[in-house]
Amino acid sequence: EGARHVRDVQMVATVDELVGLSAYMDVRALNRLMEEGETTSGAFLMVDSPAIPKLYAQLKQTPAVSAVSIPAVALASFNDTIAKTINVSTGILIGFAVIIVFGMVYNGARIALSERGHELASLRVLGFTRGEIGFMLLGEQAILTFIAIPLGLGLGYVIAGLITIAIDTEIIRFPLYVSARTCLLAVLVVAVSAFLSGYLIRWRLRHLDLVAVLKTRE
């Protein structure tokens, strides 16, 4: 409305906002710049929670007020719509990640057993117990798992950072934030997968074909 002046002003700082393209200026300086009186188009109010319903009802009955927004209501609406969708998609991704982790850990242990099954069976014939040969095989897998966990956490953090850079736009940005709970969940998933894989491999060690080893000429 009005003259709609076009002005060039100096930008003195930037604001780190995640959503939208907003610019801020002191209202008195803005009024002088636009050659206007003390006009405003909106107000941010700090209201005690018990008084919000009464104030909201009064503002809705005021003709000059075109819209009223309550942050708590907006947040609840967000959680009812977008957040639920994000939670479902995140849950699916976590489920696939758990399956992939278990498959990789078990596959590594299974390959190690296939490569050394003959040697382990030979050790059983020589008098080694199941626990001793299991410790030889699974101990190595445990060491590899412990080494892989910190490397995986670091690599995951780098990948998450690259993703946030790739989806960074002028309208919306996602900050890089990895909580301790997320890291703990990842470590727990790998640890449980390694434990279950070790249990399955140990069960296979009980069924080594010792007779075939005795018949082998070496």
Protein backbone atom coordinates (compact mmCIF):
# COMPACT_ATOMS: atom_id res chain seq x y z
CA GLU A 1 0.00 0.00 0.00
CA GLY A 2 1.05 3.60 -0.36
CA ALA A 3 4.08 4.76 -2.31
CA ARG A 4 5.86 1.40 -2.10
CA HIS A 5 9.35 2.89 -2.13
CA VAL A 6 12.40 0.95 -3.28
CA ARG A 7 15.42 1.50 -1.07
CA ASP A 8 18.98 0.16 -0.82
CA VAL A 9 20.14 -0.51 2.74
CA GLN A 10 23.29 -1.93 4.24
CA MET A 11 23.06 -5.43 5.68
CA VAL A 12 24.93 -5.53 8.99
CA ALA A 13 24.42 -9.19 9.95
CA THR A 14 22.82 -12.44 8.91
CA VAL A 15 20.33 -14.54 10.82
CA ASP A 16 20.68 -18.31 11.07
CA GLU A 17 17.13 -19.44 10.33
CA LEU A 18 16.08 -22.92 9.24
CA VAL A 19 12.84 -22.02 7.45
CA GLY A 20 11.88 -19.10 5.26
CA LEU A 21 13.50 -15.93 3.90
CA SER A 22 13.10 -13.27 6.56
CA ALA A 23 14.71 -9.86 7.00
CA TYR A 24 14.67 -7.87 10.25
CA MET A 25 15.00 -4.16 10.87
CA ASP A 26 14.28 -1.78 13.72
CA VAL A 27 10.70 -0.62 13.21
CA ARG A 28 11.51 3.04 13.81
CA ALA A 29 14.33 2.97 11.26
CA LEU A 30 12.04 1.17 8.83
CA ASN A 31 9.32 3.79 9.24
CA ARG A 32 11.83 6.58 8.55
CA LEU A 33 13.21 4.73 5.55
CA MET A 34 9.74 4.22 4.04
CA GLU A 35 8.62 7.75 5.02
CA GLU A 36 5.71 6.34 6.98
CA GLY A 37 4.21 6.91 10.37
CA GLU A 38 4.34 4.44 13.23
CA THR A 39 2.57 1.63 11.38
CA THR A 40 2.77 -2.06 12.15
CA SER A 41 1.28 -5.10 10.45
CA GLY A 42 1.59 -7.60 13.28
CA ALA A 43 2.65 -8.22 16.86
CA PHE A 44 4.29 -11.02 18.82
CA LEU A 45 2.75 -11.37 22.27
CA MET A 46 4.01 -13.16 25.38
CA VAL A 47 0.90 -14.38 27.20
CA ASP A 48 0.42 -16.48 30.31
CA SER A 49 -0.95 -19.91 29.43
CA PRO A 50 -4.22 -19.56 31.42
CA ALA A 51 -5.05 -16.31 29.60
CA ILE A 52 -4.49 -17.61 26.07
CA PRO A 53 -8.07 -18.90 25.42
CA LYS A 54 -9.67 -15.64 26.55
CA LEU A 55 -7.24 -13.50 24.54
CA TYR A 56 -7.68 -15.68 21.49
CA ALA A 57 -11.46 -15.33 21.66
CA GLN A 58 -11.21 -11.55 21.95
CA LEU A 59 -8.76 -11.24 19.05
CA LYS A 60 -10.96 -13.39 16.82
CA GLN A 61 -13.85 -10.98 17.47
CA THR A 62 -11.72 -7.92 16.61
CA PRO A 63 -12.37 -6.85 12.98
CA ALA A 64 -8.95 -5.24 12.52
CA VAL A 65 -7.14 -8.51 13.32
CA SER A 66 -6.98 -10.64 10.20
CA ALA A 67 -5.24 -13.72 11.68
CA VAL A 68 -4.13 -15.12 15.04
CA SER A 69 -1.50 -17.84 15.38
CA ILE A 70 -0.66 -19.71 18.60
CA PRO A 71 2.75 -21.46 18.53
CA ALA A 72 1.59 -24.34 20.73
CA VAL A 73 -1.32 -25.06 18.40
CA ALA A 74 0.92 -24.79 15.34
CA LEU A 75 3.39 -27.22 16.90
CA ALA A 76 0.60 -29.66 17.75
CA SER A 77 -0.67 -29.46 14.18
CA PHE A 78 2.83 -30.09 12.89
CA ASN A 79 3.23 -33.14 15.11
CA ASP A 80 -0.14 -34.50 13.95
CA THR A 81 0.74 -34.22 10.26
CA ILE A 82 4.37 -33.94 9.23
CA ALA A 83 5.98 -35.44 12.33
CA LYS A 84 3.94 -38.66 12.09
CA THR A 85 4.93 -39.08 8.45
CA ILE A 86 8.58 -38.47 9.28
CA ASN A 87 8.43 -40.95 12.17
CA VAL A 88 6.96 -43.66 9.93
CA SER A 89 9.58 -43.16 7.21
CA THR A 90 12.36 -42.99 9.80
CA GLY A 91 11.13 -46.21 11.40
CA ILE A 92 11.20 -47.98 8.02
CA LEU A 93 14.74 -46.77 7.34
CA ILE A 94 15.88 -47.90 10.80
CA GLY A 95 14.31 -51.32 10.19
CA PHE A 96 16.18 -51.73 6.90
CA ALA A 97 19.39 -50.54 8.58
CA VAL A 98 19.03 -53.15 11.34
CA ILE A 99 18.50 -55.91 8.76
CA ILE A 100 21.51 -54.77 6.73
CA VAL A 101 23.74 -54.58 9.82
CA PHE A 102 22.76 -58.06 10.96
CA GLY A 103 23.28 -59.43 7.45
CA MET A 104 26.75 -57.90 7.15
CA VAL A 105 27.91 -59.05 10.59
CA TYR A 106 26.55 -62.57 10.16
CA ASN A 107 27.86 -62.81 6.59
CA GLY A 108 31.35 -61.86 7.74
CA ALA A 109 31.30 -64.47 10.49
CA ARG A 110 29.86 -67.09 8.13
CA ILE A 111 32.60 -66.46 5.55
CA ALA A 112 35.25 -66.75 8.25
CA LEU A 113 33.75 -70.10 9.31
CA SER A 114 33.65 -71.36 5.73
CA GLU A 115 37.30 -70.41 5.17
CA ARG A 116 38.53 -71.95 8.41
CA GLY A 117 36.04 -74.71 8.97
CA HIS A 118 38.53 -77.40 7.99
CA GLU A 119 41.25 -76.04 10.30
CA LEU A 120 38.81 -75.72 13.19
CA ALA A 121 37.61 -79.27 12.70
CA SER A 122 41.22 -80.43 12.66
CA LEU A 123 41.79 -78.68 15.98
CA ARG A 124 38.76 -80.48 17.38
CA VAL A 125 40.28 -83.80 16.33
CA LEU A 126 43.53 -82.82 18.03
CA GLY A 127 41.69 -82.31 21.30
CA PHE A 128 40.59 -78.68 21.36
CA THR A 129 37.19 -78.08 22.92
CA ARG A 130 34.26 -76.34 21.22
CA GLY A 131 34.76 -73.35 23.49
CA GLU A 132 38.41 -73.01 22.51
CA ILE A 133 37.83 -73.11 18.76
CA GLY A 134 34.80 -70.86 19.20
CA PHE A 135 36.98 -68.36 21.04
CA MET A 136 39.50 -68.43 18.18
CA LEU A 137 36.90 -67.70 15.52
CA LEU A 138 34.51 -65.42 17.39
CA GLY A 139 37.29 -63.57 19.20
CA GLU A 140 38.62 -62.35 15.88
CA GLN A 141 35.14 -61.29 14.80
CA ALA A 142 34.66 -59.43 18.10
CA ILE A 143 37.90 -57.49 17.59
CA LEU A 144 36.86 -56.54 14.05
CA THR A 145 33.46 -55.42 15.33
CA PHE A 146 34.98 -53.22 18.05
CA ILE A 147 37.27 -51.61 15.49
CA ALA A 148 34.44 -51.11 13.00
CA ILE A 149 32.06 -49.37 15.45
CA PRO A 150 34.00 -46.08 15.88
CA LEU A 151 34.93 -46.06 12.21
CA GLY A 152 31.27 -46.54 11.30
CA LEU A 153 30.15 -43.74 13.62
CA GLY A 154 32.67 -41.35 12.07
CA LEU A 155 31.75 -42.32 8.53
CA GLY A 156 28.05 -41.98 9.33
CA TYR A 157 28.60 -38.48 10.71
CA VAL A 158 30.44 -37.46 7.54
CA ILE A 159 27.67 -38.87 5.33
CA ALA A 160 25.00 -37.07 7.37
CA GLY A 161 26.94 -33.83 6.94
CA LEU A 162 27.13 -34.31 3.17
CA ILE A 163 23.38 -34.98 3.05
CA THR A 164 22.58 -31.75 4.91
CA ILE A 165 24.79 -29.85 2.47
CA ALA A 166 23.12 -31.49 -0.53
CA ILE A 167 19.57 -30.56 0.58
CA ASP A 168 20.47 -27.03 1.74
CA THR A 169 18.19 -24.53 -0.05
CA GLU A 170 17.19 -20.93 0.48
CA ILE A 171 13.73 -21.88 1.74
CA ILE A 172 14.56 -24.64 4.21
CA ARG A 173 17.71 -26.05 5.82
CA PHE A 174 18.34 -28.98 8.10
CA PRO A 175 20.99 -28.58 10.81
CA LEU A 176 23.53 -31.33 11.36
CA TYR A 177 22.73 -32.79 14.76
CA VAL A 178 23.59 -36.32 15.86
CA SER A 179 22.54 -37.04 19.43
CA ALA A 180 24.24 -39.38 21.85
CA ARG A 181 21.06 -41.46 21.82
CA THR A 182 21.44 -42.05 18.09
CA CYS A 183 25.05 -43.19 18.49
CA LEU A 184 24.09 -45.43 21.40
CA LEU A 185 21.28 -47.00 19.37
CA ALA A 186 23.67 -47.68 16.47
CA VAL A 187 26.24 -49.29 18.77
CA LEU A 188 23.53 -51.35 20.45
CA VAL A 189 22.21 -52.63 17.12
CA VAL A 190 25.68 -53.70 16.02
CA ALA A 191 26.40 -55.33 19.38
CA VAL A 192 23.14 -57.30 19.37
CA SER A 193 23.73 -58.33 15.75
CA ALA A 194 27.22 -59.52 16.61
CA PHE A 195 25.91 -61.47 19.62
CA LEU A 196 23.19 -63.21 17.59
CA SER A 197 25.64 -63.93 14.77
CA GLY A 198 28.10 -65.39 17.28
CA TYR A 199 25.38 -67.60 18.73
CA LEU A 200 24.46 -68.94 15.27
CA ILE A 201 28.11 -69.52 14.36
CA ARG A 202 28.72 -71.28 17.67
CA TRP A 203 25.77 -73.56 16.89
CA ARG A 204 27.37 -74.41 13.55
CA LEU A 205 30.66 -75.19 15.29
CA ARG A 206 28.87 -77.94 17.19
CA HIS A 207 28.07 -79.65 13.90
CA LEU A 208 31.51 -79.73 12.28
CA ASP A 209 32.11 -82.89 10.27
CA LEU A 210 35.02 -84.41 12.19
CA VAL A 211 34.82 -87.67 10.25
CA ALA A 212 35.50 -85.87 6.97
CA VAL A 213 38.54 -84.23 8.52
CA LEU A 214 39.91 -87.60 9.66
CA LYS A 215 39.54 -88.99 6.12
CA THR A 216 41.48 -86.10 4.58
CA ARG A 217 45.11 -86.82 3.70
CA GLU A 218 47.43 -83.98 4.66
